Amino acid sequence: MPDPTPIVFVIDDDVSVRESLELLIRYEGWQAETFASATEFLSRPRECVPSCLILDLSLPGFSGLDLQQRIAGERTDMPIIFITGHGDIPSSVQAMKAGAVEFLTKPFTDDTLLSAVRQALDRSRIALDQDAELQKLRDCYESLSVRERQVMSLVVSGLLNKQVAGELGIREITVKVHRGRVMEKIKADSFAELVEIAVRLRVTCARKT
């Protein structure tokens, strides 16, 4: 199955900028979608394909920085490239600190923009791969029984099988059986890997207080 064609989103209230960037993006073989405002962009459903956003800093009403803050936690797989007609050091610092890939002042060359887009799309692919891997781990964890989850949380907290048995009021041999099933279902090859997976899944300790 071929890789999906990346999407480059453009938000700029200047129609001439949108049109020129759309032509440039399509010429490189990417999909291009343009919007005149942040509000218009937010109504567009999300797609799980590599993507990035070319975002004008000065938009009417809902500014570029406002939009960056709005989508920071929702669309981590969509890096942002800011463009602006005015050099604004405080805004550029704020944008870069918040994770922007680049902050370009108009006029910029096509090569400069395309280089930033390639970097952003590479980031997007990595983020999507990480999200997919994490979802697989979540699915594996969901397949555990309640008791298996209890055993997992106690084991990764550092308790020995005998201590886990005492915490749960079950036999040590039963703990060993559950532990083996956990390792199999989670697809962990070692205790260290199980701990790493638990950290990624934010598994909390079920130990009695």
N, C-alpha and C. Protein backbone atom coordinates (compact mmCIF):
# COMPACT_ATOMS: atom_id res chain seq x y z
N MET A 1 0.84 -1.19 0.00
CA MET A 1 0.00 0.00 0.00
C MET A 1 0.88 1.25 0.00
N PRO A 2 0.71 2.16 -0.99
CA PRO A 2 1.56 3.34 -1.07
C PRO A 2 1.32 4.29 0.10
N ASP A 3 2.38 5.04 0.44
CA ASP A 3 2.24 6.02 1.52
C ASP A 3 1.28 7.13 1.10
N PRO A 4 0.46 7.64 2.03
CA PRO A 4 -0.48 8.71 1.68
C PRO A 4 0.27 9.99 1.32
N THR A 5 -0.28 10.74 0.39
CA THR A 5 0.34 12.01 -0.02
C THR A 5 0.21 13.03 1.10
N PRO A 6 1.31 13.63 1.53
CA PRO A 6 1.25 14.63 2.60
C PRO A 6 0.36 15.82 2.21
N ILE A 7 -0.20 16.44 3.23
CA ILE A 7 -1.03 17.63 3.03
C ILE A 7 -0.33 18.84 3.64
N VAL A 8 -0.21 19.90 2.87
CA VAL A 8 0.32 21.15 3.39
C VAL A 8 -0.83 22.15 3.45
N PHE A 9 -1.18 22.53 4.67
CA PHE A 9 -2.25 23.50 4.87
C PHE A 9 -1.66 24.92 4.87
N VAL A 10 -2.40 25.85 4.30
CA VAL A 10 -1.97 27.25 4.27
C VAL A 10 -3.10 28.11 4.80
N ILE A 11 -2.78 28.95 5.78
CA ILE A 11 -3.76 29.92 6.28
C ILE A 11 -3.17 31.31 6.12
N ASP A 12 -3.79 32.10 5.24
CA ASP A 12 -3.34 33.48 4.99
C ASP A 12 -4.53 34.26 4.45
N ASP A 13 -4.72 35.46 4.94
CA ASP A 13 -5.88 36.23 4.49
C ASP A 13 -5.64 36.93 3.15
N ASP A 14 -4.44 36.80 2.61
CA ASP A 14 -4.11 37.38 1.30
C ASP A 14 -4.30 36.30 0.23
N VAL A 15 -5.28 36.48 -0.63
CA VAL A 15 -5.61 35.47 -1.63
C VAL A 15 -4.44 35.20 -2.58
N SER A 16 -3.66 36.25 -2.89
CA SER A 16 -2.53 36.06 -3.81
C SER A 16 -1.46 35.18 -3.18
N VAL A 17 -1.27 35.31 -1.88
CA VAL A 17 -0.30 34.45 -1.18
C VAL A 17 -0.80 33.01 -1.18
N ARG A 18 -2.07 32.84 -0.90
CA ARG A 18 -2.63 31.48 -0.89
C ARG A 18 -2.49 30.80 -2.24
N GLU A 19 -2.79 31.54 -3.29
CA GLU A 19 -2.73 30.96 -4.63
C GLU A 19 -1.31 30.60 -5.04
N SER A 20 -0.36 31.48 -4.74
CA SER A 20 1.03 31.22 -5.14
C SER A 20 1.60 30.05 -4.35
N LEU A 21 1.28 29.97 -3.06
CA LEU A 21 1.78 28.87 -2.25
C LEU A 21 1.13 27.54 -2.66
N GLU A 22 -0.13 27.59 -3.04
CA GLU A 22 -0.81 26.38 -3.49
C GLU A 22 -0.14 25.81 -4.73
N LEU A 23 0.19 26.68 -5.67
CA LEU A 23 0.87 26.23 -6.90
C LEU A 23 2.23 25.62 -6.57
N LEU A 24 2.98 26.27 -5.68
CA LEU A 24 4.31 25.79 -5.31
C LEU A 24 4.22 24.42 -4.63
N ILE A 25 3.26 24.29 -3.74
CA ILE A 25 3.10 23.03 -3.00
C ILE A 25 2.70 21.89 -3.93
N ARG A 26 1.75 22.16 -4.79
CA ARG A 26 1.30 21.11 -5.72
C ARG A 26 2.40 20.72 -6.69
N TYR A 27 3.22 21.67 -7.07
CA TYR A 27 4.33 21.39 -7.98
C TYR A 27 5.32 20.41 -7.36
N GLU A 28 5.44 20.44 -6.03
CA GLU A 28 6.34 19.53 -5.32
C GLU A 28 5.71 18.15 -5.12
N GLY A 29 4.46 17.99 -5.49
CA GLY A 29 3.80 16.69 -5.40
C GLY A 29 3.01 16.47 -4.12
N TRP A 30 2.84 17.52 -3.32
CA TRP A 30 2.05 17.41 -2.09
C TRP A 30 0.63 17.92 -2.33
N GLN A 31 -0.28 17.53 -1.47
CA GLN A 31 -1.62 18.11 -1.50
C GLN A 31 -1.56 19.49 -0.86
N ALA A 32 -2.37 20.40 -1.36
CA ALA A 32 -2.42 21.75 -0.80
C ALA A 32 -3.87 22.10 -0.46
N GLU A 33 -4.07 22.63 0.72
CA GLU A 33 -5.39 23.12 1.11
C GLU A 33 -5.20 24.50 1.74
N THR A 34 -5.94 25.47 1.23
CA THR A 34 -5.76 26.85 1.68
C THR A 34 -7.01 27.38 2.38
N PHE A 35 -6.76 28.27 3.34
CA PHE A 35 -7.84 28.85 4.14
C PHE A 35 -7.56 30.33 4.36
N ALA A 36 -8.63 31.11 4.43
CA ALA A 36 -8.49 32.55 4.63
C ALA A 36 -8.45 32.93 6.10
N SER A 37 -8.87 32.00 6.97
CA SER A 37 -8.91 32.32 8.40
C SER A 37 -8.67 31.08 9.23
N ALA A 38 -8.31 31.30 10.49
CA ALA A 38 -8.09 30.19 11.42
C ALA A 38 -9.40 29.45 11.70
N THR A 39 -10.48 30.20 11.79
CA THR A 39 -11.78 29.59 12.07
C THR A 39 -12.18 28.63 10.96
N GLU A 40 -11.93 29.03 9.72
CA GLU A 40 -12.25 28.18 8.57
C GLU A 40 -11.42 26.89 8.64
N PHE A 41 -10.17 27.01 9.01
CA PHE A 41 -9.29 25.83 9.11
C PHE A 41 -9.76 24.88 10.21
N LEU A 42 -10.17 25.41 11.35
CA LEU A 42 -10.56 24.58 12.48
C LEU A 42 -11.78 23.72 12.20
N SER A 43 -12.58 24.12 11.23
CA SER A 43 -13.77 23.34 10.89
C SER A 43 -13.44 22.17 9.98
N ARG A 44 -12.18 22.10 9.54
CA ARG A 44 -11.78 21.03 8.63
C ARG A 44 -11.44 19.78 9.45
N PRO A 45 -12.08 18.62 9.15
CA PRO A 45 -11.81 17.39 9.90
C PRO A 45 -10.34 16.98 9.80
N ARG A 46 -9.84 16.39 10.86
CA ARG A 46 -8.45 15.96 10.91
C ARG A 46 -8.26 14.67 10.11
N GLU A 47 -7.09 14.56 9.46
CA GLU A 47 -6.73 13.33 8.74
C GLU A 47 -5.40 12.82 9.28
N CYS A 48 -5.28 11.51 9.41
CA CYS A 48 -4.04 10.91 9.93
C CYS A 48 -3.06 10.64 8.80
N VAL A 49 -2.61 11.71 8.17
CA VAL A 49 -1.58 11.63 7.13
C VAL A 49 -0.53 12.68 7.47
N PRO A 50 0.71 12.50 6.99
CA PRO A 50 1.72 13.52 7.25
C PRO A 50 1.24 14.88 6.77
N SER A 51 1.41 15.89 7.60
CA SER A 51 0.91 17.21 7.25
C SER A 51 1.70 18.28 7.98
N CYS A 52 1.57 19.50 7.50
CA CYS A 52 2.13 20.66 8.21
C CYS A 52 1.27 21.86 7.88
N LEU A 53 1.50 22.93 8.60
CA LEU A 53 0.68 24.13 8.45
C LEU A 53 1.57 25.34 8.21
N ILE A 54 1.34 26.02 7.08
CA ILE A 54 1.98 27.30 6.82
C ILE A 54 1.01 28.36 7.30
N LEU A 55 1.39 29.09 8.31
CA LEU A 55 0.45 29.94 9.04
C LEU A 55 0.91 31.39 9.07
N ASP A 56 0.06 32.28 8.59
CA ASP A 56 0.34 33.71 8.65
C ASP A 56 0.21 34.18 10.10
N LEU A 57 1.19 34.96 10.53
CA LEU A 57 1.18 35.43 11.92
C LEU A 57 0.01 36.38 12.18
N SER A 58 -0.21 37.30 11.25
CA SER A 58 -1.23 38.35 11.45
C SER A 58 -2.51 38.01 10.70
N LEU A 59 -3.41 37.36 11.39
CA LEU A 59 -4.72 37.04 10.82
C LEU A 59 -5.78 37.87 11.53
N PRO A 60 -6.84 38.25 10.83
CA PRO A 60 -7.90 39.02 11.47
C PRO A 60 -8.65 38.20 12.50
N GLY A 61 -8.85 38.76 13.67
CA GLY A 61 -9.62 38.09 14.71
C GLY A 61 -8.80 37.07 15.48
N PHE A 62 -8.62 35.91 14.89
CA PHE A 62 -7.93 34.78 15.52
C PHE A 62 -6.51 34.74 14.96
N SER A 63 -5.52 35.23 15.71
CA SER A 63 -4.16 35.35 15.18
C SER A 63 -3.49 34.00 15.02
N GLY A 64 -2.35 34.02 14.32
CA GLY A 64 -1.59 32.79 14.14
C GLY A 64 -1.11 32.21 15.45
N LEU A 65 -0.65 33.06 16.35
CA LEU A 65 -0.20 32.59 17.66
C LEU A 65 -1.36 32.02 18.47
N ASP A 66 -2.53 32.63 18.33
CA ASP A 66 -3.72 32.10 19.01
C ASP A 66 -4.04 30.69 18.52
N LEU A 67 -3.95 30.51 17.21
CA LEU A 67 -4.24 29.20 16.64
C LEU A 67 -3.20 28.18 17.08
N GLN A 68 -1.94 28.57 17.09
CA GLN A 68 -0.89 27.66 17.54
C GLN A 68 -1.17 27.17 18.96
N GLN A 69 -1.56 28.08 19.82
CA GLN A 69 -1.87 27.70 21.20
C GLN A 69 -3.09 26.80 21.26
N ARG A 70 -4.07 27.06 20.42
CA ARG A 70 -5.31 26.30 20.41
C ARG A 70 -5.08 24.84 20.02
N ILE A 71 -4.23 24.61 19.04
CA ILE A 71 -4.07 23.25 18.51
C ILE A 71 -2.83 22.53 19.05
N ALA A 72 -2.11 23.17 19.95
CA ALA A 72 -0.84 22.62 20.46
C ALA A 72 -0.99 21.20 20.99
N GLY A 73 -2.03 20.95 21.77
CA GLY A 73 -2.20 19.63 22.36
C GLY A 73 -2.99 18.66 21.50
N GLU A 74 -3.70 19.19 20.49
CA GLU A 74 -4.58 18.36 19.67
C GLU A 74 -3.90 17.82 18.42
N ARG A 75 -3.00 18.59 17.84
CA ARG A 75 -2.42 18.22 16.55
C ARG A 75 -0.89 18.27 16.61
N THR A 76 -0.34 17.46 17.50
CA THR A 76 1.11 17.42 17.64
C THR A 76 1.79 16.84 16.41
N ASP A 77 1.01 16.17 15.56
CA ASP A 77 1.57 15.58 14.34
C ASP A 77 1.53 16.56 13.17
N MET A 78 1.18 17.84 13.43
CA MET A 78 1.10 18.83 12.36
C MET A 78 1.95 20.04 12.73
N PRO A 79 3.25 20.00 12.41
CA PRO A 79 4.14 21.12 12.73
C PRO A 79 3.73 22.39 11.99
N ILE A 80 4.13 23.53 12.56
CA ILE A 80 3.72 24.82 12.02
C ILE A 80 4.93 25.61 11.51
N ILE A 81 4.75 26.21 10.34
CA ILE A 81 5.73 27.14 9.78
C ILE A 81 5.05 28.51 9.73
N PHE A 82 5.58 29.46 10.48
CA PHE A 82 4.98 30.80 10.49
C PHE A 82 5.57 31.65 9.36
N ILE A 83 4.69 32.45 8.75
CA ILE A 83 5.14 33.44 7.78
C ILE A 83 4.56 34.79 8.19
N THR A 84 5.31 35.86 7.95
CA THR A 84 4.84 37.18 8.33
C THR A 84 5.44 38.24 7.42
N GLY A 85 4.74 39.33 7.26
CA GLY A 85 5.24 40.45 6.47
C GLY A 85 6.02 41.43 7.30
N HIS A 86 6.08 41.20 8.60
CA HIS A 86 6.76 42.13 9.50
C HIS A 86 7.67 41.35 10.45
N GLY A 87 8.90 41.80 10.54
CA GLY A 87 9.83 41.17 11.48
C GLY A 87 9.42 41.49 12.91
N ASP A 88 9.07 40.49 13.67
CA ASP A 88 8.59 40.66 15.04
C ASP A 88 9.33 39.66 15.93
N ILE A 89 10.41 40.13 16.55
CA ILE A 89 11.26 39.22 17.33
C ILE A 89 10.52 38.58 18.49
N PRO A 90 9.77 39.34 19.31
CA PRO A 90 9.05 38.68 20.42
C PRO A 90 8.08 37.60 19.95
N SER A 91 7.38 37.87 18.84
CA SER A 91 6.44 36.88 18.32
C SER A 91 7.16 35.65 17.79
N SER A 92 8.30 35.88 17.13
CA SER A 92 9.05 34.75 16.60
C SER A 92 9.60 33.88 17.72
N VAL A 93 10.07 34.51 18.78
CA VAL A 93 10.56 33.76 19.94
C VAL A 93 9.43 32.95 20.56
N GLN A 94 8.26 33.57 20.71
CA GLN A 94 7.10 32.88 21.28
C GLN A 94 6.70 31.68 20.42
N ALA A 95 6.67 31.89 19.10
CA ALA A 95 6.27 30.83 18.19
C ALA A 95 7.25 29.66 18.23
N MET A 96 8.55 29.96 18.22
CA MET A 96 9.56 28.90 18.21
C MET A 96 9.58 28.14 19.54
N LYS A 97 9.40 28.85 20.63
CA LYS A 97 9.35 28.19 21.94
C LYS A 97 8.16 27.24 22.03
N ALA A 98 7.09 27.59 21.32
CA ALA A 98 5.88 26.75 21.34
C ALA A 98 5.97 25.61 20.33
N GLY A 99 7.11 25.49 19.64
CA GLY A 99 7.31 24.32 18.78
C GLY A 99 7.26 24.55 17.29
N ALA A 100 7.18 25.81 16.85
CA ALA A 100 7.16 26.07 15.41
C ALA A 100 8.44 25.58 14.76
N VAL A 101 8.32 25.08 13.53
CA VAL A 101 9.48 24.60 12.79
C VAL A 101 10.33 25.76 12.28
N GLU A 102 9.66 26.80 11.80
CA GLU A 102 10.37 27.93 11.21
C GLU A 102 9.52 29.19 11.33
N PHE A 103 10.18 30.34 11.28
CA PHE A 103 9.49 31.63 11.31
C PHE A 103 10.10 32.45 10.18
N LEU A 104 9.36 32.59 9.08
CA LEU A 104 9.89 33.23 7.88
C LEU A 104 9.27 34.60 7.66
N THR A 105 10.13 35.57 7.33
CA THR A 105 9.66 36.92 7.04
C THR A 105 9.57 37.12 5.53
N LYS A 106 8.43 37.59 5.07
CA LYS A 106 8.24 37.85 3.64
C LYS A 106 9.12 39.04 3.22
N PRO A 107 9.70 39.02 2.01
CA PRO A 107 9.63 37.91 1.04
C PRO A 107 10.70 36.85 1.36
N PHE A 108 10.34 35.60 1.17
CA PHE A 108 11.28 34.50 1.35
C PHE A 108 11.35 33.72 0.04
N THR A 109 12.44 32.99 -0.15
CA THR A 109 12.59 32.24 -1.40
C THR A 109 11.78 30.95 -1.35
N ASP A 110 11.47 30.43 -2.53
CA ASP A 110 10.76 29.16 -2.60
C ASP A 110 11.57 28.04 -1.92
N ASP A 111 12.88 28.04 -2.16
CA ASP A 111 13.72 26.99 -1.58
C ASP A 111 13.71 27.03 -0.06
N THR A 112 13.70 28.23 0.50
CA THR A 112 13.67 28.37 1.96
C THR A 112 12.38 27.78 2.53
N LEU A 113 11.27 28.11 1.89
CA LEU A 113 9.99 27.59 2.36
C LEU A 113 9.91 26.08 2.18
N LEU A 114 10.31 25.59 1.02
CA LEU A 114 10.21 24.16 0.75
C LEU A 114 11.09 23.34 1.69
N SER A 115 12.24 23.88 2.03
CA SER A 115 13.12 23.21 2.99
C SER A 115 12.43 23.08 4.34
N ALA A 116 11.76 24.15 4.75
CA ALA A 116 11.03 24.13 6.02
C ALA A 116 9.88 23.14 5.97
N VAL A 117 9.19 23.07 4.83
CA VAL A 117 8.07 22.14 4.69
C VAL A 117 8.56 20.70 4.76
N ARG A 118 9.67 20.41 4.10
CA ARG A 118 10.20 19.03 4.15
C ARG A 118 10.56 18.64 5.58
N GLN A 119 11.17 19.56 6.30
CA GLN A 119 11.52 19.30 7.70
C GLN A 119 10.26 19.05 8.53
N ALA A 120 9.24 19.87 8.29
CA ALA A 120 7.98 19.74 9.04
C ALA A 120 7.29 18.41 8.73
N LEU A 121 7.29 18.01 7.47
CA LEU A 121 6.64 16.75 7.10
C LEU A 121 7.39 15.55 7.67
N ASP A 122 8.71 15.66 7.75
CA ASP A 122 9.49 14.58 8.39
C ASP A 122 9.08 14.45 9.86
N ARG A 123 8.93 15.58 10.54
CA ARG A 123 8.49 15.57 11.94
C ARG A 123 7.10 14.94 12.05
N SER A 124 6.24 15.29 11.13
CA SER A 124 4.87 14.79 11.15
C SER A 124 4.85 13.27 11.00
N ARG A 125 5.65 12.74 10.09
CA ARG A 125 5.70 11.28 9.90
C ARG A 125 6.16 10.59 11.17
N ILE A 126 7.17 11.13 11.81
CA ILE A 126 7.68 10.54 13.05
C ILE A 126 6.60 10.56 14.13
N ALA A 127 5.91 11.69 14.26
CA ALA A 127 4.85 11.81 15.27
C ALA A 127 3.72 10.83 15.02
N LEU A 128 3.33 10.67 13.76
CA LEU A 128 2.26 9.73 13.42
C LEU A 128 2.67 8.29 13.71
N ASP A 129 3.93 7.95 13.40
CA ASP A 129 4.42 6.61 13.70
C ASP A 129 4.41 6.34 15.20
N GLN A 130 4.81 7.34 15.98
CA GLN A 130 4.82 7.19 17.44
C GLN A 130 3.40 7.04 17.98
N ASP A 131 2.47 7.81 17.42
CA ASP A 131 1.07 7.70 17.85
C ASP A 131 0.51 6.32 17.54
N ALA A 132 0.84 5.80 16.36
CA ALA A 132 0.35 4.48 15.97
C ALA A 132 0.92 3.40 16.87
N GLU A 133 2.19 3.53 17.21
CA GLU A 133 2.83 2.55 18.10
C GLU A 133 2.21 2.59 19.49
N LEU A 134 1.94 3.81 19.98
CA LEU A 134 1.33 3.95 21.30
C LEU A 134 -0.07 3.37 21.31
N GLN A 135 -0.81 3.54 20.21
CA GLN A 135 -2.16 2.99 20.15
C GLN A 135 -2.13 1.47 20.18
N LYS A 136 -1.13 0.87 19.54
CA LYS A 136 -0.99 -0.59 19.59
C LYS A 136 -0.75 -1.05 21.03
N LEU A 137 0.07 -0.32 21.76
CA LEU A 137 0.33 -0.66 23.15
C LEU A 137 -0.94 -0.54 23.99
N ARG A 138 -1.72 0.51 23.71
CA ARG A 138 -2.99 0.69 24.44
C ARG A 138 -3.94 -0.46 24.15
N ASP A 139 -3.98 -0.90 22.90
CA ASP A 139 -4.84 -2.02 22.53
C ASP A 139 -4.41 -3.30 23.26
N CYS A 140 -3.10 -3.51 23.35
CA CYS A 140 -2.59 -4.68 24.08
C CYS A 140 -2.97 -4.60 25.55
N TYR A 141 -2.84 -3.41 26.11
CA TYR A 141 -3.17 -3.24 27.53
C TYR A 141 -4.65 -3.47 27.78
N GLU A 142 -5.48 -3.03 26.84
CA GLU A 142 -6.93 -3.22 26.97
C GLU A 142 -7.30 -4.70 26.95
N SER A 143 -6.43 -5.53 26.35
CA SER A 143 -6.72 -6.96 26.28
C SER A 143 -6.45 -7.68 27.61
N LEU A 144 -5.79 -7.01 28.55
CA LEU A 144 -5.51 -7.61 29.85
C LEU A 144 -6.77 -7.68 30.71
N SER A 145 -6.85 -8.72 31.51
CA SER A 145 -7.95 -8.82 32.47
C SER A 145 -7.66 -7.86 33.63
N VAL A 146 -8.66 -7.63 34.47
CA VAL A 146 -8.48 -6.75 35.62
C VAL A 146 -7.35 -7.26 36.51
N ARG A 147 -7.32 -8.56 36.76
CA ARG A 147 -6.27 -9.14 37.61
C ARG A 147 -4.89 -8.99 36.97
N GLU A 148 -4.83 -9.19 35.66
CA GLU A 148 -3.55 -9.05 34.96
C GLU A 148 -3.04 -7.62 35.05
N ARG A 149 -3.95 -6.65 34.97
CA ARG A 149 -3.53 -5.24 35.10
C ARG A 149 -3.02 -4.96 36.51
N GLN A 150 -3.69 -5.55 37.51
CA GLN A 150 -3.23 -5.39 38.89
C GLN A 150 -1.83 -5.96 39.06
N VAL A 151 -1.62 -7.15 38.54
CA VAL A 151 -0.30 -7.79 38.64
C VAL A 151 0.75 -6.94 37.92
N MET A 152 0.42 -6.47 36.73
CA MET A 152 1.36 -5.65 35.97
C MET A 152 1.77 -4.41 36.74
N SER A 153 0.80 -3.69 37.29
CA SER A 153 1.10 -2.45 37.99
C SER A 153 1.98 -2.69 39.21
N LEU A 154 1.75 -3.79 39.91
CA LEU A 154 2.55 -4.09 41.11
C LEU A 154 3.95 -4.58 40.72
N VAL A 155 4.03 -5.38 39.67
CA VAL A 155 5.32 -5.89 39.23
C VAL A 155 6.24 -4.75 38.77
N VAL A 156 5.70 -3.85 37.95
CA VAL A 156 6.54 -2.77 37.43
C VAL A 156 6.88 -1.74 38.50
N SER A 157 6.16 -1.77 39.63
CA SER A 157 6.50 -0.88 40.74
C SER A 157 7.69 -1.41 41.53
N GLY A 158 8.12 -2.64 41.21
CA GLY A 158 9.31 -3.19 41.83
C GLY A 158 9.09 -4.30 42.83
N LEU A 159 7.83 -4.74 42.99
CA LEU A 159 7.56 -5.80 43.95
C LEU A 159 7.92 -7.17 43.38
N LEU A 160 8.38 -8.05 44.26
CA LEU A 160 8.64 -9.44 43.88
C LEU A 160 7.33 -10.20 43.77
N ASN A 161 7.36 -11.34 43.10
CA ASN A 161 6.14 -12.13 42.94
C ASN A 161 5.48 -12.44 44.29
N LYS A 162 6.30 -12.77 45.28
CA LYS A 162 5.78 -13.10 46.61
C LYS A 162 5.07 -11.90 47.23
N GLN A 163 5.64 -10.72 47.03
CA GLN A 163 5.02 -9.50 47.57
C GLN A 163 3.73 -9.16 46.83
N VAL A 164 3.73 -9.37 45.52
CA VAL A 164 2.51 -9.14 44.74
C VAL A 164 1.41 -10.07 45.21
N ALA A 165 1.76 -11.32 45.47
CA ALA A 165 0.78 -12.29 45.96
C ALA A 165 0.19 -11.82 47.28
N GLY A 166 1.04 -11.28 48.15
CA GLY A 166 0.56 -10.79 49.44
C GLY A 166 -0.37 -9.59 49.28
N GLU A 167 -0.04 -8.71 48.35
CA GLU A 167 -0.87 -7.53 48.10
C GLU A 167 -2.26 -7.92 47.60
N LEU A 168 -2.30 -8.93 46.74
CA LEU A 168 -3.56 -9.30 46.09
C LEU A 168 -4.28 -10.46 46.79
N GLY A 169 -3.62 -11.07 47.76
CA GLY A 169 -4.25 -12.18 48.48
C GLY A 169 -4.40 -13.42 47.63
N ILE A 170 -3.41 -13.66 46.77
CA ILE A 170 -3.44 -14.85 45.91
C ILE A 170 -2.12 -15.60 46.07
N ARG A 171 -2.02 -16.79 45.49
CA ARG A 171 -0.81 -17.61 45.59
C ARG A 171 0.28 -17.07 44.66
N GLU A 172 1.53 -17.31 45.05
CA GLU A 172 2.65 -16.83 44.26
C GLU A 172 2.66 -17.48 42.87
N ILE A 173 2.29 -18.75 42.80
CA ILE A 173 2.26 -19.43 41.50
C ILE A 173 1.25 -18.79 40.57
N THR A 174 0.15 -18.29 41.17
CA THR A 174 -0.87 -17.61 40.37
C THR A 174 -0.33 -16.29 39.83
N VAL A 175 0.46 -15.62 40.65
CA VAL A 175 1.09 -14.37 40.19
C VAL A 175 1.99 -14.65 39.00
N LYS A 176 2.77 -15.73 39.07
CA LYS A 176 3.68 -16.08 37.98
C LYS A 176 2.91 -16.34 36.69
N VAL A 177 1.76 -17.00 36.82
CA VAL A 177 0.93 -17.28 35.63
C VAL A 177 0.43 -15.97 35.02
N HIS A 178 -0.10 -15.09 35.87
CA HIS A 178 -0.61 -13.80 35.38
C HIS A 178 0.51 -12.97 34.77
N ARG A 179 1.66 -13.00 35.41
CA ARG A 179 2.81 -12.23 34.92
C ARG A 179 3.21 -12.72 33.54
N GLY A 180 3.22 -14.02 33.35
CA GLY A 180 3.56 -14.58 32.05
C GLY A 180 2.56 -14.16 30.97
N ARG A 181 1.28 -14.14 31.33
CA ARG A 181 0.25 -13.73 30.38
C ARG A 181 0.39 -12.24 30.03
N VAL A 182 0.74 -11.45 31.04
CA VAL A 182 0.95 -10.02 30.80
C VAL A 182 2.09 -9.81 29.81
N MET A 183 3.20 -10.48 30.03
CA MET A 183 4.35 -10.35 29.14
C MET A 183 3.98 -10.75 27.71
N GLU A 184 3.18 -11.79 27.59
CA GLU A 184 2.78 -12.28 26.27
C GLU A 184 1.84 -11.30 25.57
N LYS A 185 0.82 -10.84 26.30
CA LYS A 185 -0.17 -9.94 25.69
C LYS A 185 0.41 -8.57 25.37
N ILE A 186 1.29 -8.07 26.26
CA ILE A 186 1.90 -6.76 26.05
C ILE A 186 3.02 -6.84 25.02
N LYS A 187 3.47 -8.07 24.75
CA LYS A 187 4.57 -8.31 23.81
C LYS A 187 5.88 -7.70 24.31
N ALA A 188 6.14 -7.91 25.61
CA ALA A 188 7.39 -7.45 26.22
C ALA A 188 8.35 -8.63 26.32
N ASP A 189 9.57 -8.43 25.88
CA ASP A 189 10.56 -9.50 25.90
C ASP A 189 11.37 -9.55 27.19
N SER A 190 11.26 -8.51 28.01
CA SER A 190 12.02 -8.46 29.25
C SER A 190 11.28 -7.60 30.27
N PHE A 191 11.71 -7.72 31.52
CA PHE A 191 11.11 -6.91 32.58
C PHE A 191 11.36 -5.43 32.31
N ALA A 192 12.57 -5.10 31.85
CA ALA A 192 12.90 -3.70 31.56
C ALA A 192 11.97 -3.12 30.49
N GLU A 193 11.66 -3.93 29.48
CA GLU A 193 10.77 -3.48 28.41
C GLU A 193 9.35 -3.31 28.95
N LEU A 194 8.94 -4.19 29.86
CA LEU A 194 7.61 -4.07 30.47
C LEU A 194 7.50 -2.77 31.26
N VAL A 195 8.55 -2.44 32.00
CA VAL A 195 8.57 -1.19 32.76
C VAL A 195 8.48 0.01 31.83
N GLU A 196 9.23 -0.05 30.72
CA GLU A 196 9.22 1.05 29.75
C GLU A 196 7.82 1.22 29.16
N ILE A 197 7.17 0.12 28.85
CA ILE A 197 5.81 0.18 28.30
C ILE A 197 4.84 0.75 29.33
N ALA A 198 4.99 0.34 30.58
CA ALA A 198 4.12 0.85 31.65
C ALA A 198 4.27 2.35 31.80
N VAL A 199 5.50 2.84 31.67
CA VAL A 199 5.74 4.29 31.75
C VAL A 199 5.05 5.00 30.61
N ARG A 200 5.18 4.45 29.41
CA ARG A 200 4.54 5.08 28.24
C ARG A 200 3.02 5.07 28.36
N LEU A 201 2.48 4.03 28.96
CA LEU A 201 1.03 3.92 29.12
C LEU A 201 0.54 4.61 30.40
N ARG A 202 1.50 5.09 31.20
CA ARG A 202 1.18 5.75 32.47
C ARG A 202 0.37 4.84 33.38
N VAL A 203 0.83 3.60 33.48
CA VAL A 203 0.18 2.63 34.36
C VAL A 203 0.49 3.01 35.80
N THR A 204 -0.54 3.17 36.61
CA THR A 204 -0.36 3.55 38.01
C THR A 204 -0.27 2.32 38.90
N CYS A 205 0.39 2.47 40.03
CA CYS A 205 0.56 1.35 40.95
C CYS A 205 -0.72 1.06 41.71
N ALA A 206 -1.09 -0.23 41.77
CA ALA A 206 -2.32 -0.63 42.45
C ALA A 206 -2.04 -1.07 43.87
N ARG A 207 -0.89 -0.71 44.41
CA ARG A 207 -0.51 -1.17 45.74
C ARG A 207 -1.40 -0.54 46.80
N LYS A 208 -1.74 -1.35 47.82
CA LYS A 208 -2.58 -0.88 48.91
C LYS A 208 -1.78 0.10 49.77
N THR A 209 -2.47 1.06 50.33
CA THR A 209 -1.81 2.03 51.20
C THR A 209 -2.14 1.75 52.65
